[in-house]
Amino acid sequence: ISKTKITFDLILIKQTIHLLKKRQILKLLSICKKKLNPNGKIIILSLDHQKNEIPTFYLMKKKLNVSLEKDKKLFDLIYKNNSKIIIKKFIYQVQISKKKYLNMIKNRYISTLLNFTDKQIISGSNEIIRKFKKNLKFKDRLICFIIIK
């Protein structure tokens, strides 16, 4: 029986790396690099920790800022441990109805909301209702790390 080595041209890690511990991130990236074809790439997409404009309520903003500060340290680690890396930033203009956005909050669309109680989500939703207009307009800022094997 022959063993087939599976390799990839591209591996995408989208807005999840911050959920891992530092050692897990380094191990994941090491495994991914080994699985890449010679000219393969790892792409890591995440929220940009600078100038974030996502509409939030007070507690969400507080938790998001802590998470983004952790992300900054992780990004520095990734950058330091990879000699062939390209960093790109993307800005998307977002228009969404407040009703749809409130539904996204209820469904915990962003990992910052995962550990919130239903009571905290309801309270935060009420704050969003008071704080924002019928249609939300903001810039969604992403950072992209392209690691080349």
C-alpha atoms as a PDB file:
ATOM      1  CA  ILE A   1       0.000   0.000   0.000  1.00  0.00           C
ATOM      2  CA  SER A   2       1.483   3.336  -1.023  1.00  0.00           C
ATOM      3  CA  LYS A   3       1.107   6.489   1.016  1.00  0.00           C
ATOM      4  CA  THR A   4      -0.043   9.519  -0.922  1.00  0.00           C
ATOM      5  CA  LYS A   5       1.362  12.834   0.175  1.00  0.00           C
ATOM      6  CA  ILE A   6      -1.268  15.537  -0.068  1.00  0.00           C
ATOM      7  CA  THR A   7      -0.047  19.081  -0.687  1.00  0.00           C
ATOM      8  CA  PHE A   8      -1.831  22.343  -1.288  1.00  0.00           C
ATOM      9  CA  ASP A   9      -1.320  25.468  -3.362  1.00  0.00           C
ATOM     10  CA  LEU A  10      -3.346  27.537  -0.907  1.00  0.00           C
ATOM     11  CA  ILE A  11      -4.440  27.242   2.714  1.00  0.00           C
ATOM     12  CA  LEU A  12      -6.923  29.825   4.035  1.00  0.00           C
ATOM     13  CA  ILE A  13      -7.349  30.684   7.715  1.00  0.00           C
ATOM     14  CA  LYS A  14     -10.252  33.092   8.052  1.00  0.00           C
ATOM     15  CA  GLN A  15     -10.965  35.004  11.259  1.00  0.00           C
ATOM     16  CA  THR A  16     -10.297  32.055  13.573  1.00  0.00           C
ATOM     17  CA  ILE A  17      -6.611  32.184  14.425  1.00  0.00           C
ATOM     18  CA  HIS A  18      -7.230  34.434  17.426  1.00  0.00           C
ATOM     19  CA  LEU A  19      -9.178  31.608  19.065  1.00  0.00           C
ATOM     20  CA  LEU A  20      -5.964  29.581  19.387  1.00  0.00           C
ATOM     21  CA  LYS A  21      -3.131  29.840  21.871  1.00  0.00           C
ATOM     22  CA  LYS A  22       0.288  31.081  20.783  1.00  0.00           C
ATOM     23  CA  ARG A  23       1.815  27.588  20.726  1.00  0.00           C
ATOM     24  CA  GLN A  24      -1.158  26.209  18.783  1.00  0.00           C
ATOM     25  CA  ILE A  25      -0.817  28.963  16.185  1.00  0.00           C
ATOM     26  CA  LEU A  26       2.858  28.248  15.639  1.00  0.00           C
ATOM     27  CA  LYS A  27       2.154  24.511  15.363  1.00  0.00           C
ATOM     28  CA  LEU A  28      -0.732  25.095  12.938  1.00  0.00           C
ATOM     29  CA  LEU A  29       1.387  27.326  10.722  1.00  0.00           C
ATOM     30  CA  SER A  30       4.242  24.833  10.798  1.00  0.00           C
ATOM     31  CA  ILE A  31       1.941  21.970   9.750  1.00  0.00           C
ATOM     32  CA  CYS A  32       0.366  24.142   7.042  1.00  0.00           C
ATOM     33  CA  LYS A  33       3.765  25.132   5.650  1.00  0.00           C
ATOM     34  CA  LYS A  34       4.787  21.464   5.427  1.00  0.00           C
ATOM     35  CA  LYS A  35       1.617  20.692   3.462  1.00  0.00           C
ATOM     36  CA  LEU A  36       2.187  23.461   0.913  1.00  0.00           C
ATOM     37  CA  ASN A  37       3.489  22.933  -2.595  1.00  0.00           C
ATOM     38  CA  PRO A  38       6.840  24.688  -3.221  1.00  0.00           C
ATOM     39  CA  ASN A  39       5.162  27.945  -4.313  1.00  0.00           C
ATOM     40  CA  GLY A  40       2.128  27.512  -2.060  1.00  0.00           C
ATOM     41  CA  LYS A  41       0.658  30.213   0.149  1.00  0.00           C
ATOM     42  CA  ILE A  42      -1.060  30.448   3.503  1.00  0.00           C
ATOM     43  CA  ILE A  43      -3.561  33.289   3.681  1.00  0.00           C
ATOM     44  CA  ILE A  44      -4.687  34.541   7.071  1.00  0.00           C
ATOM     45  CA  LEU A  45      -7.617  36.971   7.102  1.00  0.00           C
ATOM     46  CA  SER A  46      -8.671  38.760  10.239  1.00  0.00           C
ATOM     47  CA  LEU A  47     -10.109  42.023  11.480  1.00  0.00           C
ATOM     48  CA  ASP A  48      -7.614  44.827  11.322  1.00  0.00           C
ATOM     49  CA  HIS A  49      -6.834  45.842  14.898  1.00  0.00           C
ATOM     50  CA  GLN A  50      -6.440  49.490  13.872  1.00  0.00           C
ATOM     51  CA  LYS A  51      -9.320  51.878  13.205  1.00  0.00           C
ATOM     52  CA  ASN A  52     -12.041  49.267  13.607  1.00  0.00           C
ATOM     53  CA  GLU A  53     -15.512  50.658  12.852  1.00  0.00           C
ATOM     54  CA  ILE A  54     -17.785  47.701  13.560  1.00  0.00           C
ATOM     55  CA  PRO A  55     -20.958  48.961  15.278  1.00  0.00           C
ATOM     56  CA  THR A  56     -20.914  47.747  18.859  1.00  0.00           C
ATOM     57  CA  PHE A  57     -22.590  48.104  22.204  1.00  0.00           C
ATOM     58  CA  TYR A  58     -20.510  48.957  25.285  1.00  0.00           C
ATOM     59  CA  LEU A  59     -19.670  45.438  26.516  1.00  0.00           C
ATOM     60  CA  MET A  60     -19.075  44.173  22.976  1.00  0.00           C
ATOM     61  CA  LYS A  61     -16.688  47.075  22.295  1.00  0.00           C
ATOM     62  CA  LYS A  62     -14.808  46.349  25.515  1.00  0.00           C
ATOM     63  CA  LYS A  63     -14.386  42.643  24.682  1.00  0.00           C
ATOM     64  CA  LEU A  64     -13.592  43.386  21.031  1.00  0.00           C
ATOM     65  CA  ASN A  65     -10.812  45.793  22.018  1.00  0.00           C
ATOM     66  CA  VAL A  66      -9.249  43.122  24.272  1.00  0.00           C
ATOM     67  CA  SER A  67      -9.488  40.598  21.429  1.00  0.00           C
ATOM     68  CA  LEU A  68      -7.991  43.025  18.892  1.00  0.00           C
ATOM     69  CA  GLU A  69      -5.102  43.786  21.241  1.00  0.00           C
ATOM     70  CA  LYS A  70      -4.434  40.037  21.492  1.00  0.00           C
ATOM     71  CA  ASP A  71      -4.642  39.830  17.682  1.00  0.00           C
ATOM     72  CA  LYS A  72      -2.005  42.545  17.339  1.00  0.00           C
ATOM     73  CA  LYS A  73       0.406  40.460  19.430  1.00  0.00           C
ATOM     74  CA  LEU A  74      -0.418  37.357  17.367  1.00  0.00           C
ATOM     75  CA  PHE A  75       0.167  39.237  14.122  1.00  0.00           C
ATOM     76  CA  ASP A  76       3.533  40.442  15.409  1.00  0.00           C
ATOM     77  CA  LEU A  77       4.396  36.816  16.260  1.00  0.00           C
ATOM     78  CA  ILE A  78       3.341  35.580  12.815  1.00  0.00           C
ATOM     79  CA  TYR A  79       5.333  38.335  11.129  1.00  0.00           C
ATOM     80  CA  LYS A  80       8.425  37.621  13.247  1.00  0.00           C
ATOM     81  CA  ASN A  81       8.316  33.876  12.527  1.00  0.00           C
ATOM     82  CA  ASN A  82       7.860  34.058   8.754  1.00  0.00           C
ATOM     83  CA  SER A  83      10.521  35.501   6.491  1.00  0.00           C
ATOM     84  CA  LYS A  84       8.418  35.416   3.315  1.00  0.00           C
ATOM     85  CA  ILE A  85       5.302  37.347   4.226  1.00  0.00           C
ATOM     86  CA  ILE A  86       3.160  39.958   2.505  1.00  0.00           C
ATOM     87  CA  ILE A  87       0.681  42.071   4.453  1.00  0.00           C
ATOM     88  CA  LYS A  88      -2.312  43.636   2.729  1.00  0.00           C
ATOM     89  CA  LYS A  89      -5.230  45.584   4.118  1.00  0.00           C
ATOM     90  CA  PHE A  90      -8.732  45.661   2.707  1.00  0.00           C
ATOM     91  CA  ILE A  91     -11.546  48.053   3.462  1.00  0.00           C
ATOM     92  CA  TYR A  92     -15.129  47.149   2.598  1.00  0.00           C
ATOM     93  CA  GLN A  93     -17.941  49.660   2.729  1.00  0.00           C
ATOM     94  CA  VAL A  94     -20.802  47.956   4.554  1.00  0.00           C
ATOM     95  CA  GLN A  95     -24.446  48.956   4.467  1.00  0.00           C
ATOM     96  CA  ILE A  96     -26.810  46.830   6.501  1.00  0.00           C
ATOM     97  CA  SER A  97     -30.210  47.330   8.042  1.00  0.00           C
ATOM     98  CA  LYS A  98     -30.254  47.603  11.809  1.00  0.00           C
ATOM     99  CA  LYS A  99     -32.785  44.759  11.920  1.00  0.00           C
ATOM    100  CA  LYS A 100     -30.464  42.397  10.029  1.00  0.00           C
ATOM    101  CA  TYR A 101     -27.467  43.465  12.129  1.00  0.00           C
ATOM    102  CA  LEU A 102     -29.408  42.853  15.348  1.00  0.00           C
ATOM    103  CA  ASN A 103     -30.201  39.365  14.087  1.00  0.00           C
ATOM    104  CA  MET A 104     -26.488  38.806  13.445  1.00  0.00           C
ATOM    105  CA  ILE A 105     -25.727  39.904  17.019  1.00  0.00           C
ATOM    106  CA  LYS A 106     -28.426  37.559  18.324  1.00  0.00           C
ATOM    107  CA  ASN A 107     -26.741  34.735  16.375  1.00  0.00           C
ATOM    108  CA  ARG A 108     -23.326  35.805  17.713  1.00  0.00           C
ATOM    109  CA  TYR A 109     -21.833  36.490  14.283  1.00  0.00           C
ATOM    110  CA  ILE A 110     -18.463  37.491  15.730  1.00  0.00           C
ATOM    111  CA  SER A 111     -16.421  35.410  18.165  1.00  0.00           C
ATOM    112  CA  THR A 112     -16.384  38.259  20.698  1.00  0.00           C
ATOM    113  CA  LEU A 113     -20.070  37.531  21.319  1.00  0.00           C
ATOM    114  CA  LEU A 114     -19.743  33.768  21.823  1.00  0.00           C
ATOM    115  CA  ASN A 115     -19.534  33.848  25.629  1.00  0.00           C
ATOM    116  CA  PHE A 116     -22.188  36.508  26.154  1.00  0.00           C
ATOM    117  CA  THR A 117     -25.336  35.495  28.004  1.00  0.00           C
ATOM    118  CA  ASP A 118     -28.730  35.927  26.364  1.00  0.00           C
ATOM    119  CA  LYS A 119     -29.369  38.778  28.817  1.00  0.00           C
ATOM    120  CA  GLN A 120     -26.175  40.555  27.711  1.00  0.00           C
ATOM    121  CA  ILE A 121     -27.133  40.111  24.037  1.00  0.00           C
ATOM    122  CA  ILE A 122     -30.622  41.529  24.660  1.00  0.00           C
ATOM    123  CA  SER A 123     -29.225  44.463  26.631  1.00  0.00           C
ATOM    124  CA  GLY A 124     -26.623  45.118  23.928  1.00  0.00           C
ATOM    125  CA  SER A 125     -29.257  44.881  21.194  1.00  0.00           C
ATOM    126  CA  ASN A 126     -31.341  47.490  22.998  1.00  0.00           C
ATOM    127  CA  GLU A 127     -28.278  49.726  23.123  1.00  0.00           C
ATOM    128  CA  ILE A 128     -27.759  49.244  19.351  1.00  0.00           C
ATOM    129  CA  ILE A 129     -31.431  50.153  18.771  1.00  0.00           C
ATOM    130  CA  ARG A 130     -30.976  53.414  20.707  1.00  0.00           C
ATOM    131  CA  LYS A 131     -27.512  54.245  19.386  1.00  0.00           C
ATOM    132  CA  PHE A 132     -27.778  53.702  15.615  1.00  0.00           C
ATOM    133  CA  LYS A 133     -30.023  54.733  12.733  1.00  0.00           C
ATOM    134  CA  LYS A 134     -32.263  52.390  10.730  1.00  0.00           C
ATOM    135  CA  ASN A 135     -29.429  51.568   8.310  1.00  0.00           C
ATOM    136  CA  LEU A 136     -25.868  51.065   9.475  1.00  0.00           C
ATOM    137  CA  LYS A 137     -22.973  52.256   7.347  1.00  0.00           C
ATOM    138  CA  PHE A 138     -19.401  51.501   8.309  1.00  0.00           C
ATOM    139  CA  LYS A 139     -16.049  50.347   7.014  1.00  0.00           C
ATOM    140  CA  ASP A 140     -15.129  46.730   7.657  1.00  0.00           C
ATOM    141  CA  ARG A 141     -11.341  46.667   7.801  1.00  0.00           C
ATOM    142  CA  LEU A 142      -9.491  43.398   7.248  1.00  0.00           C
ATOM    143  CA  ILE A 143      -5.837  42.511   7.400  1.00  0.00           C
ATOM    144  CA  CYS A 144      -4.427  39.768   5.224  1.00  0.00           C
ATOM    145  CA  PHE A 145      -1.175  37.935   5.852  1.00  0.00           C
ATOM    146  CA  ILE A 146       0.143  35.989   2.864  1.00  0.00           C
ATOM    147  CA  ILE A 147       2.837  33.537   3.945  1.00  0.00           C
ATOM    148  CA  ILE A 148       4.831  32.092   1.077  1.00  0.00           C
ATOM    149  CA  LYS A 149       6.583  28.749   1.484  1.00  0.00           C
END
